[in-house]
């Protein structure tokens, strides 16, 4: 009798666990209805219940577009759960099969990016944070060290770094306005760090584990209608919506394998929201024409991409091996320089509505005549200079000894804890704000406005200059 009672209790617990995990097995032809309960899936549910639910709760209180994009976020994590279940039932696919396997996730990411298009809304930073953060879910596409991606844990961390630029704007913008937005932004960060990162670290540090005896993944049908203008074989495509393309992967390394997967995923679709990586053939020393100009044929569906500057063609090139030049980039949100060293400099000129990331240590960075442009960098040996700009944002994630702002209107400086001792020099500039991390890891950023008015008093034979103090009363 005692053994039978134990068996009945175990059976009941098993049924309850099956219901609690929320598998959509019976309604999906791709996932077997009798799939066994797996510890990795239970842990995934626990992770989303702990972290994603906080984001959803805050979004419910905010409503509107924030709630809409949060529902897309929920859909993306739900889609990844279904893919994780399928991984355990499927043999490792080939390139075409992997592209077909990843399509459901790619479609959700595309949906999130669509919300950021068109006229910029008051909640653009929320929308952009979610859209950029979803690239973290592409860790599931990792197939090995030669696939062109970082290891899963690093990929999650690097993808969040892309999104954090906009997430910080939400934290700062709503710090004194609405605590629900602040809670939403904090909860979203924790969903990825530590949430998703720790989950991947615990269960999939080397990528998904496919079932060697499972069913074969189905590849997308190959069209027999060849395009007369299509080259053969096609060149490596720009990184897709999935890829941060490994934010720290050297752009001098040719991308194989996963690049073909991303080509399959994005076939016939605009890819202007993808990252613009710097490959060998873009560098001045390797170009036949030696102009370093990014050709208008580099990306598909150019008609949907942002327009170029009238001042000249867009450039992103390394000149003489010593100076990175980024010029006339318009509406490019994902420019990246990652193949750099401490002897090189970066010069950004005439860019508008763009975001550039400089990954690695460089000698100095100069931002000149740029409008509504963001610069995110790691470490600078000498100085970061902002000259003749309007409405720019500069974020130091590592260290820099000096930052100078000259003849600039509207400049937000984000300092890391390692760069708090940097000297900041301003001249002929207004609306300069510096944001520094709070005392604790969970504390909000603290914003400081640098003075732009001074009082000069002649005293004891010389002038004494002090900044104007405003009481704010």
Protein backbone atom coordinates (compact mmCIF):
# COMPACT_ATOMS: atom_id res chain seq x y z
CA UNK A 1 0.00 0.00 0.00
CA UNK A 2 2.79 2.42 0.91
CA UNK A 3 4.59 1.83 -2.42
CA UNK A 4 1.38 2.36 -4.41
CA UNK A 5 0.70 5.62 -2.56
CA UNK A 6 4.21 6.87 -3.36
CA UNK A 7 3.76 5.95 -7.03
CA UNK A 8 0.44 7.83 -7.18
CA UNK A 9 2.02 10.91 -5.57
CA UNK A 10 4.96 10.84 -7.99
CA UNK A 11 2.55 10.53 -10.93
CA UNK A 12 0.51 13.49 -9.69
CA UNK A 13 3.64 15.63 -9.20
CA UNK A 14 4.80 14.74 -12.70
CA UNK A 15 1.50 15.87 -14.22
CA UNK A 16 1.56 19.12 -12.26
CA UNK A 17 5.13 19.85 -13.39
CA UNK A 18 4.12 19.26 -16.99
CA UNK A 19 1.30 21.78 -16.67
CA UNK A 20 3.43 24.33 -14.80
CA UNK A 21 6.15 24.43 -17.44
CA UNK A 22 3.61 25.68 -19.94
CA UNK A 23 4.84 23.72 -22.95
CA UNK A 24 2.78 24.33 -26.04
CA UNK A 25 3.52 20.83 -27.25
CA UNK A 26 0.03 19.67 -28.10
CA UNK A 27 -0.61 22.69 -30.32
CA UNK A 28 2.69 22.57 -32.15
CA UNK A 29 3.47 20.11 -34.91
CA UNK A 30 7.19 20.82 -34.47
CA UNK A 31 7.36 19.80 -30.80
CA UNK A 32 6.36 16.32 -29.76
CA UNK A 33 3.45 16.19 -27.31
CA UNK A 34 5.17 13.48 -25.29
CA UNK A 35 8.47 15.35 -24.91
CA UNK A 36 9.94 14.57 -21.50
CA UNK A 37 10.34 17.19 -18.83
CA UNK A 38 13.93 18.43 -18.86
CA UNK A 39 15.85 20.18 -16.11
CA UNK A 40 17.13 22.81 -18.55
CA UNK A 41 13.58 23.75 -19.58
CA UNK A 42 12.38 23.89 -15.98
CA UNK A 43 15.33 26.17 -15.20
CA UNK A 44 14.43 28.34 -18.20
CA UNK A 45 10.88 28.70 -16.87
CA UNK A 46 12.24 29.58 -13.44
CA UNK A 47 14.52 32.21 -14.98
CA UNK A 48 11.71 33.88 -16.94
CA UNK A 49 9.35 33.67 -13.97
CA UNK A 50 11.91 35.45 -11.80
CA UNK A 51 13.12 38.12 -14.22
CA UNK A 52 10.79 38.48 -17.20
CA UNK A 53 7.73 38.74 -14.97
CA UNK A 54 9.20 41.86 -13.35
CA UNK A 55 9.56 43.53 -16.74
CA UNK A 56 5.99 42.57 -17.66
CA UNK A 57 4.58 43.86 -14.37
CA UNK A 58 6.25 47.25 -14.83
CA UNK A 59 5.10 47.40 -18.46
CA UNK A 60 1.50 46.74 -17.43
CA UNK A 61 1.65 49.82 -15.22
CA UNK A 62 3.10 51.95 -18.03
CA UNK A 63 0.97 50.66 -20.89
CA UNK A 64 1.08 51.97 -24.49
CA UNK A 65 4.10 51.29 -26.66
CA UNK A 66 6.16 50.09 -23.71
CA UNK A 67 3.62 47.35 -23.08
CA UNK A 68 3.52 46.52 -26.79
CA UNK A 69 7.28 46.04 -27.07
CA UNK A 70 7.35 44.10 -23.80
CA UNK A 71 4.84 41.65 -25.27
CA UNK A 72 7.22 41.15 -28.19
CA UNK A 73 9.97 40.53 -25.61
CA UNK A 74 7.78 37.86 -23.97
CA UNK A 75 7.12 36.31 -27.37
CA UNK A 76 10.84 36.16 -28.12
CA UNK A 77 11.66 34.35 -24.87
CA UNK A 78 8.73 31.99 -25.42
CA UNK A 79 10.01 31.28 -28.95
CA UNK A 80 13.48 30.52 -27.60
CA UNK A 81 11.98 28.06 -25.14
CA UNK A 82 10.29 26.22 -28.01
CA UNK A 83 13.58 26.14 -29.90
CA UNK A 84 15.38 24.72 -26.85
CA UNK A 85 12.80 21.92 -26.71
CA UNK A 86 13.28 21.25 -30.42
CA UNK A 87 17.06 21.17 -30.03
CA UNK A 88 16.71 18.18 -27.70
CA UNK A 89 14.68 16.32 -30.33
CA UNK A 90 16.64 17.28 -33.45
CA UNK A 91 19.95 16.36 -35.00
CA UNK A 92 22.43 19.16 -35.57
CA UNK A 93 21.35 20.74 -38.88
CA UNK A 94 23.43 21.94 -41.78
CA UNK A 95 23.69 25.63 -42.65
CA UNK A 96 20.40 25.79 -44.54
CA UNK A 97 18.64 23.73 -41.89
CA UNK A 98 19.90 25.98 -39.11
CA UNK A 99 18.63 29.03 -40.97
CA UNK A 100 15.18 27.47 -41.20
CA UNK A 101 15.36 26.44 -37.54
CA UNK A 102 16.13 30.01 -36.45
CA UNK A 103 13.42 31.68 -38.56
CA UNK A 104 10.78 31.89 -35.79
CA UNK A 105 13.20 33.77 -33.56
CA UNK A 106 14.35 35.99 -36.40
CA UNK A 107 10.74 36.92 -37.15
CA UNK A 108 10.16 38.09 -33.57
CA UNK A 109 13.38 40.14 -33.60
CA UNK A 110 12.29 41.69 -36.90
CA UNK A 111 8.95 42.57 -35.30
CA UNK A 112 10.75 44.38 -32.46
CA UNK A 113 12.92 46.32 -34.92
CA UNK A 114 9.84 47.33 -36.90
CA UNK A 115 8.49 49.09 -33.81
CA UNK A 116 11.53 51.40 -33.80
CA UNK A 117 11.04 52.51 -37.41
CA UNK A 118 9.22 55.58 -38.69
CA UNK A 119 8.70 58.75 -36.75
CA UNK A 120 10.51 58.61 -33.42
CA UNK A 121 8.08 58.37 -30.50
CA UNK A 122 8.48 59.51 -26.90
CA UNK A 123 9.26 55.90 -26.01
CA UNK A 124 11.90 55.30 -28.68
CA UNK A 125 14.56 54.48 -26.07
CA UNK A 126 12.34 51.75 -24.59
CA UNK A 127 11.65 50.29 -28.03
CA UNK A 128 15.29 50.43 -29.08
CA UNK A 129 16.47 48.85 -25.84
CA UNK A 130 14.28 45.80 -26.36
CA UNK A 131 15.03 45.53 -30.09
CA UNK A 132 18.80 45.64 -29.53
CA UNK A 133 18.68 43.35 -26.50
CA UNK A 134 16.94 40.54 -28.38
CA UNK A 135 20.13 39.82 -30.32
CA UNK A 136 21.26 38.16 -27.07
CA UNK A 137 18.88 35.29 -27.81
CA UNK A 138 20.97 34.41 -30.85
CA UNK A 139 23.39 32.56 -28.56
CA UNK A 140 21.39 29.50 -29.60
CA UNK A 141 22.90 29.84 -33.10
CA UNK A 142 26.42 29.12 -31.81
CA UNK A 143 27.79 26.02 -33.52
CA UNK A 144 31.49 26.13 -32.68
CA UNK A 145 34.60 28.28 -32.54
CA UNK A 146 34.66 28.77 -36.32
CA UNK A 147 31.04 29.91 -36.68
CA UNK A 148 31.85 33.64 -36.49
CA UNK A 149 30.17 34.25 -33.11
CA UNK A 150 31.43 34.69 -29.59
CA UNK A 151 30.83 31.93 -27.09
CA UNK A 152 27.21 32.02 -25.81
CA UNK A 153 28.00 33.67 -22.47
CA UNK A 154 30.07 36.42 -24.10
CA UNK A 155 27.45 36.87 -26.83
CA UNK A 156 24.74 37.57 -24.24
CA UNK A 157 26.93 40.09 -22.42
CA UNK A 158 28.00 41.86 -25.61
CA UNK A 159 24.44 42.04 -26.93
CA UNK A 160 23.29 43.72 -23.74
CA UNK A 161 26.09 46.28 -24.05
CA UNK A 162 24.48 47.32 -27.34
CA UNK A 163 21.12 47.78 -25.65
CA UNK A 164 22.42 49.41 -22.48
CA UNK A 165 23.19 52.65 -24.30
CA UNK A 166 19.44 53.22 -24.72
CA UNK A 167 18.47 51.61 -21.42
CA UNK A 168 20.60 54.18 -19.58
CA UNK A 169 18.65 56.92 -21.31
CA UNK A 170 15.42 55.49 -19.89
CA UNK A 171 16.92 55.33 -16.39
CA UNK A 172 18.15 58.91 -16.53
CA UNK A 173 15.12 60.37 -18.32
CA UNK A 174 12.57 58.95 -15.89
CA UNK A 175 14.56 59.03 -12.67
CA UNK A 176 12.48 61.88 -11.26
CA UNK A 177 9.40 61.41 -13.44
CA UNK A 178 8.02 57.90 -13.11
CA UNK A 179 9.41 55.04 -10.99
CA UNK A 180 7.61 52.49 -13.18
CA UNK A 181 9.89 53.29 -16.12
CA UNK A 182 12.94 53.04 -13.87
CA UNK A 183 11.76 49.67 -12.58
CA UNK A 184 11.12 48.50 -16.15
CA UNK A 185 14.65 49.44 -17.24
CA UNK A 186 16.30 47.86 -14.19
CA UNK A 187 14.25 44.67 -14.54
CA UNK A 188 15.09 44.44 -18.25
CA UNK A 189 18.81 44.61 -17.53
CA UNK A 190 18.54 41.94 -14.85
CA UNK A 191 16.65 39.70 -17.28
CA UNK A 192 19.85 39.50 -19.33
CA UNK A 193 22.47 40.13 -16.65
CA UNK A 194 22.39 37.99 -14.58
CA UNK A 195 19.25 36.15 -15.78
CA UNK A 196 19.91 34.84 -19.29
CA UNK A 197 23.68 34.99 -18.90
CA UNK A 198 23.70 32.76 -15.81
CA UNK A 199 21.22 30.35 -17.41
CA UNK A 200 23.43 29.95 -20.48
CA UNK A 201 26.51 29.66 -18.27
CA UNK A 202 24.91 26.84 -16.27
CA UNK A 203 23.45 24.79 -19.12
CA UNK A 204 24.84 25.84 -22.50
CA UNK A 205 28.32 27.41 -22.10
CA UNK A 206 29.42 25.80 -25.38
CA UNK A 207 26.16 26.24 -27.26
CA UNK A 208 23.06 24.06 -27.74
CA UNK A 209 23.44 20.28 -27.40
CA UNK A 210 21.69 18.62 -30.34
CA UNK A 211 20.24 15.10 -30.29
CA UNK A 212 22.43 12.83 -32.40
CA UNK A 213 19.62 10.27 -32.70
CA UNK A 214 16.79 12.77 -33.13
CA UNK A 215 14.85 13.76 -36.21
CA UNK A 216 16.51 15.64 -39.06
CA UNK A 217 15.97 19.39 -39.27
CA UNK A 218 14.05 20.48 -42.36
CA UNK A 219 15.82 22.96 -44.63
CA UNK A 220 14.05 25.76 -46.43
CA UNK A 221 13.20 24.90 -50.05
CA UNK A 222 15.85 26.15 -52.45
CA UNK A 223 14.57 28.34 -55.26
CA UNK A 224 15.49 27.12 -58.75
CA UNK A 225 15.03 30.60 -60.14
CA UNK A 226 18.45 32.18 -60.16
CA UNK A 227 18.85 35.92 -60.15
CA UNK A 228 20.81 37.06 -63.22
CA UNK A 229 22.70 39.63 -61.16
CA UNK A 230 23.47 37.37 -58.21
CA UNK A 231 27.18 36.61 -57.83
CA UNK A 232 28.36 33.06 -57.28
CA UNK A 233 29.35 32.35 -54.67
CA UNK A 234 27.74 35.28 -52.76
CA UNK A 235 30.01 37.49 -50.64
CA UNK A 236 29.75 37.28 -46.85
CA UNK A 237 26.66 39.29 -45.88
CA UNK A 238 26.51 42.05 -43.30
CA UNK A 239 25.56 40.76 -39.88
CA UNK A 240 21.88 40.04 -39.52
CA UNK A 241 19.42 41.02 -36.86
CA UNK A 242 20.73 38.07 -34.89
CA UNK A 243 24.33 39.00 -34.70
CA UNK A 244 25.97 41.51 -32.51
CA UNK A 245 28.24 39.70 -34.73
CA UNK A 246 30.21 38.91 -31.77
CA UNK A 247 31.01 42.34 -30.53
CA UNK A 248 34.55 41.29 -29.73
CA UNK A 249 35.11 39.05 -32.72
CA UNK A 250 37.94 40.47 -34.78
CA UNK A 251 36.63 42.04 -37.94
CA UNK A 252 39.84 41.01 -39.66
CA UNK A 253 38.79 37.36 -39.35
CA UNK A 254 36.74 36.17 -42.36
CA UNK A 255 33.28 35.07 -41.35
CA UNK A 256 32.20 31.68 -42.64
CA UNK A 257 29.48 29.27 -41.61
CA UNK A 258 27.16 31.52 -39.60
CA UNK A 259 27.50 34.29 -42.16
CA UNK A 260 25.82 31.93 -44.60
CA UNK A 261 23.11 31.22 -42.05
CA UNK A 262 22.42 34.91 -41.65
CA UNK A 263 22.31 35.28 -45.43
CA UNK A 264 19.62 32.61 -45.55
CA UNK A 265 17.64 34.25 -42.76
CA UNK A 266 17.68 37.69 -44.36
CA UNK A 267 17.22 36.63 -47.96
CA UNK A 268 15.17 39.28 -49.69
CA UNK A 269 14.69 41.37 -46.56
CA UNK A 270 16.16 44.76 -45.61
CA UNK A 271 19.16 44.45 -43.34
CA UNK A 272 19.78 48.09 -42.60
CA UNK A 273 19.19 47.50 -38.91
CA UNK A 274 22.08 45.04 -38.80
CA UNK A 275 25.54 45.88 -37.58
CA UNK A 276 28.08 47.44 -39.90
CA UNK A 277 31.25 45.48 -39.25
CA UNK A 278 34.66 46.42 -40.62
CA UNK A 279 36.05 43.54 -42.65
CA UNK A 280 39.47 43.22 -44.31
CA UNK A 281 38.23 44.32 -47.69
CA UNK A 282 36.97 47.62 -46.22
CA UNK A 283 40.41 48.64 -44.97
CA UNK A 284 42.28 51.12 -47.12
CA UNK A 285 45.40 48.96 -47.37
CA UNK A 286 43.40 46.09 -48.90
CA UNK A 287 41.11 47.98 -51.29
CA UNK A 288 41.86 48.01 -54.98
CA UNK A 289 40.67 51.57 -55.39
CA UNK A 290 42.24 52.60 -52.01
CA UNK A 291 39.42 55.05 -51.35
CA UNK A 292 37.96 53.25 -48.38
CA UNK A 293 34.49 54.41 -49.39
CA UNK A 294 31.72 52.06 -48.42
CA UNK A 295 30.04 51.17 -51.69
CA UNK A 296 26.34 51.69 -52.14
CA UNK A 297 26.16 48.07 -53.25
CA UNK A 298 27.41 46.77 -49.93
CA UNK A 299 23.90 46.25 -48.58
CA UNK A 300 20.74 44.88 -50.08
CA UNK A 301 17.54 46.88 -50.33
CA UNK A 302 19.34 50.22 -50.34
CA UNK A 303 16.08 52.01 -51.03
CA UNK A 304 15.03 51.43 -47.42
CA UNK A 305 18.31 52.58 -45.90
CA UNK A 306 19.01 56.07 -44.53
CA UNK A 307 20.15 58.69 -46.98
CA UNK A 308 23.79 59.71 -47.29
CA UNK A 309 25.27 63.03 -46.31
CA UNK A 310 25.45 65.69 -48.98
CA UNK A 311 28.89 66.60 -47.63
CA UNK A 312 30.41 63.49 -49.14
CA UNK A 313 30.27 59.71 -49.31
CA UNK A 314 30.17 57.72 -46.06
CA UNK A 315 33.49 56.31 -44.89
CA UNK A 316 34.59 53.82 -42.30
CA UNK A 317 38.22 52.98 -42.98
CA UNK A 318 41.66 52.55 -41.47
CA UNK A 319 44.13 54.97 -43.06
CA UNK A 320 47.87 54.21 -43.12
CA UNK A 321 47.33 51.66 -40.38
CA UNK A 322 47.16 54.43 -37.76
CA UNK A 323 43.90 56.36 -38.06
CA UNK A 324 40.32 55.14 -38.20
CA UNK A 325 38.14 57.59 -40.15
CA UNK A 326 34.36 57.55 -39.77
CA UNK A 327 32.77 60.22 -41.96
CA UNK A 328 29.31 61.27 -43.16
CA UNK A 329 27.42 58.35 -41.65
CA UNK A 330 23.71 59.16 -41.53
CA UNK A 331 21.23 57.07 -39.53
CA UNK A 332 23.73 54.28 -38.86
CA UNK A 333 22.92 52.97 -35.39
CA UNK A 334 25.32 50.05 -35.29
CA UNK A 335 28.72 51.17 -36.51
CA UNK A 336 31.52 49.16 -34.91
CA UNK A 337 35.31 49.38 -34.85
CA UNK A 338 36.78 46.39 -33.06
CA UNK A 339 40.06 45.70 -34.88
CA UNK A 340 42.05 48.47 -33.19
CA UNK A 341 45.05 48.97 -30.91
CA UNK A 342 46.48 51.54 -28.52
CA UNK A 343 48.59 53.21 -31.22
CA UNK A 344 45.62 54.08 -33.41
CA UNK A 345 43.36 57.11 -33.29
CA UNK A 346 39.68 57.47 -34.21
CA UNK A 347 38.33 60.52 -36.04
CA UNK A 348 34.55 60.86 -36.38
CA UNK A 349 33.37 63.66 -38.68
CA UNK A 350 30.06 64.88 -40.08
CA UNK A 351 27.92 62.04 -38.74
CA UNK A 352 24.25 62.43 -37.88
CA UNK A 353 21.73 60.28 -36.00
CA UNK A 354 24.28 57.46 -35.69
CA UNK A 355 25.93 55.35 -32.99
CA UNK A 356 29.56 54.20 -33.11
CA UNK A 357 31.14 51.63 -30.81
CA UNK A 358 34.92 51.50 -30.42
CA UNK A 359 35.80 48.18 -28.85
CA UNK A 360 39.33 47.91 -27.53
CA UNK A 361 41.95 50.45 -26.46
CA UNK A 362 42.86 53.33 -28.79
CA UNK A 363 45.17 56.32 -28.41
CA UNK A 364 42.58 59.07 -28.79
CA UNK A 365 39.09 59.77 -30.15
CA UNK A 366 37.96 63.00 -31.82
CA UNK A 367 34.30 63.72 -32.59
CA UNK A 368 33.95 66.70 -34.95
CA UNK A 369 30.87 68.41 -36.43
CA UNK A 370 28.47 65.61 -35.51
CA UNK A 371 24.76 65.92 -34.68
CA UNK A 372 22.64 63.57 -32.56
CA UNK A 373 25.43 61.00 -32.55
CA UNK A 374 26.46 58.55 -29.84
CA UNK A 375 30.00 57.30 -29.20
CA UNK A 376 30.62 54.30 -26.95
CA UNK A 377 34.24 53.37 -26.26
CA UNK A 378 36.27 51.18 -23.92
CA UNK A 379 39.68 52.68 -23.13
CA UNK A 380 41.52 55.76 -24.41
CA UNK A 381 45.21 56.34 -23.74
CA UNK A 382 45.33 60.13 -24.30
CA UNK A 383 41.99 61.93 -24.61
CA UNK A 384 38.49 61.96 -26.03
CA UNK A 385 37.66 65.27 -27.74
CA UNK A 386 34.25 66.60 -28.78
CA UNK A 387 34.42 69.64 -31.09
CA UNK A 388 31.77 71.66 -32.98
CA UNK A 389 28.99 69.19 -32.17
CA UNK A 390 25.30 69.41 -31.36
CA UNK A 391 23.37 66.93 -29.22
CA UNK A 392 25.96 64.17 -28.84
CA UNK A 393 26.34 61.45 -26.23
CA UNK A 394 29.66 59.93 -25.21
CA UNK A 395 29.96 56.86 -23.01
CA UNK A 396 33.23 55.58 -21.55
CA UNK A 397 32.96 51.96 -20.45
CA UNK A 398 36.61 51.68 -19.40
CA UNK A 399 39.04 54.48 -18.60
CA UNK A 400 40.27 57.75 -20.09
CA UNK A 401 42.53 60.36 -18.52
CA UNK A 402 40.96 63.36 -20.26
CA UNK A 403 37.78 64.52 -21.98
CA UNK A 404 37.47 67.89 -23.68
CA UNK A 405 34.33 69.54 -25.06
CA UNK A 406 34.78 72.61 -27.29
CA UNK A 407 32.20 74.76 -29.10
CA UNK A 408 29.47 72.20 -28.52
CA UNK A 409 25.80 72.54 -27.62
CA UNK A 410 24.27 69.60 -25.79
CA UNK A 411 26.65 66.85 -24.68
CA UNK A 412 25.91 63.95 -22.37
CA UNK A 413 28.97 62.24 -20.89
CA UNK A 414 28.56 58.80 -19.29
CA UNK A 415 31.52 57.82 -17.11
CA UNK A 416 32.34 54.35 -15.80
CA UNK A 417 33.73 53.86 -12.31
CA UNK A 418 37.20 53.51 -13.82
CA UNK A 419 36.96 56.90 -15.53
CA UNK A 420 35.69 59.02 -12.63
CA UNK A 421 39.11 60.63 -12.16
CA UNK A 422 39.22 61.86 -15.77
CA UNK A 423 39.73 65.60 -16.16
CA UNK A 424 36.93 67.27 -18.14
CA UNK A 425 37.70 70.52 -19.96
CA UNK A 426 34.94 72.61 -21.55
CA UNK A 427 35.15 75.78 -23.67
CA UNK A 428 32.47 77.75 -25.53
CA UNK A 429 29.98 74.97 -24.78
CA UNK A 430 26.54 74.73 -23.20
CA UNK A 431 24.20 72.04 -21.84
CA UNK A 432 27.02 69.73 -20.76
CA UNK A 433 25.87 66.99 -18.39
CA UNK A 434 27.97 64.26 -16.83
CA UNK A 435 26.40 61.04 -15.56
CA UNK A 436 28.27 58.86 -13.09
CA UNK A 437 27.35 55.47 -11.56
CA UNK A 438 25.65 55.42 -8.18
CA UNK A 439 27.50 54.32 -5.06
CA UNK A 440 26.00 50.82 -5.15
CA UNK A 441 25.64 48.38 -8.02
CA UNK A 442 21.85 48.77 -7.95
CA UNK A 443 21.85 52.55 -7.53
CA UNK A 444 20.71 54.90 -10.30
CA UNK A 445 23.07 56.98 -12.39
CA UNK A 446 23.66 60.45 -10.92
CA UNK A 447 23.53 63.41 -13.30
CA UNK A 448 25.69 66.51 -12.84
CA UNK A 449 25.35 69.66 -14.95
CA UNK A 450 28.66 71.38 -15.65
CA UNK A 451 28.51 75.16 -15.21
CA UNK A 452 28.52 77.35 -18.31
CA UNK A 453 28.35 80.73 -16.59
CA UNK A 454 31.07 82.27 -14.40
CA UNK A 455 31.56 85.29 -12.17
CA UNK A 456 34.90 87.15 -12.34
CA UNK A 457 35.85 89.35 -9.38
CA UNK A 458 39.02 91.46 -9.16
CA UNK A 459 40.53 90.78 -5.73
CA UNK A 460 44.00 91.24 -4.24
CA UNK A 461 45.52 92.27 -7.53
CA UNK A 462 44.05 89.53 -9.74
CA UNK A 463 40.71 88.16 -10.97
CA UNK A 464 39.06 85.32 -9.09
CA UNK A 465 36.73 83.23 -11.22
CA UNK A 466 33.94 81.10 -9.78
CA UNK A 467 31.05 79.27 -11.46
CA UNK A 468 27.56 80.72 -11.18
CA UNK A 469 25.46 78.83 -8.65
CA UNK A 470 21.70 78.45 -9.24
CA UNK A 471 19.50 77.78 -6.26
CA UNK A 472 16.77 76.25 -8.38
CA UNK A 473 14.12 77.89 -6.23
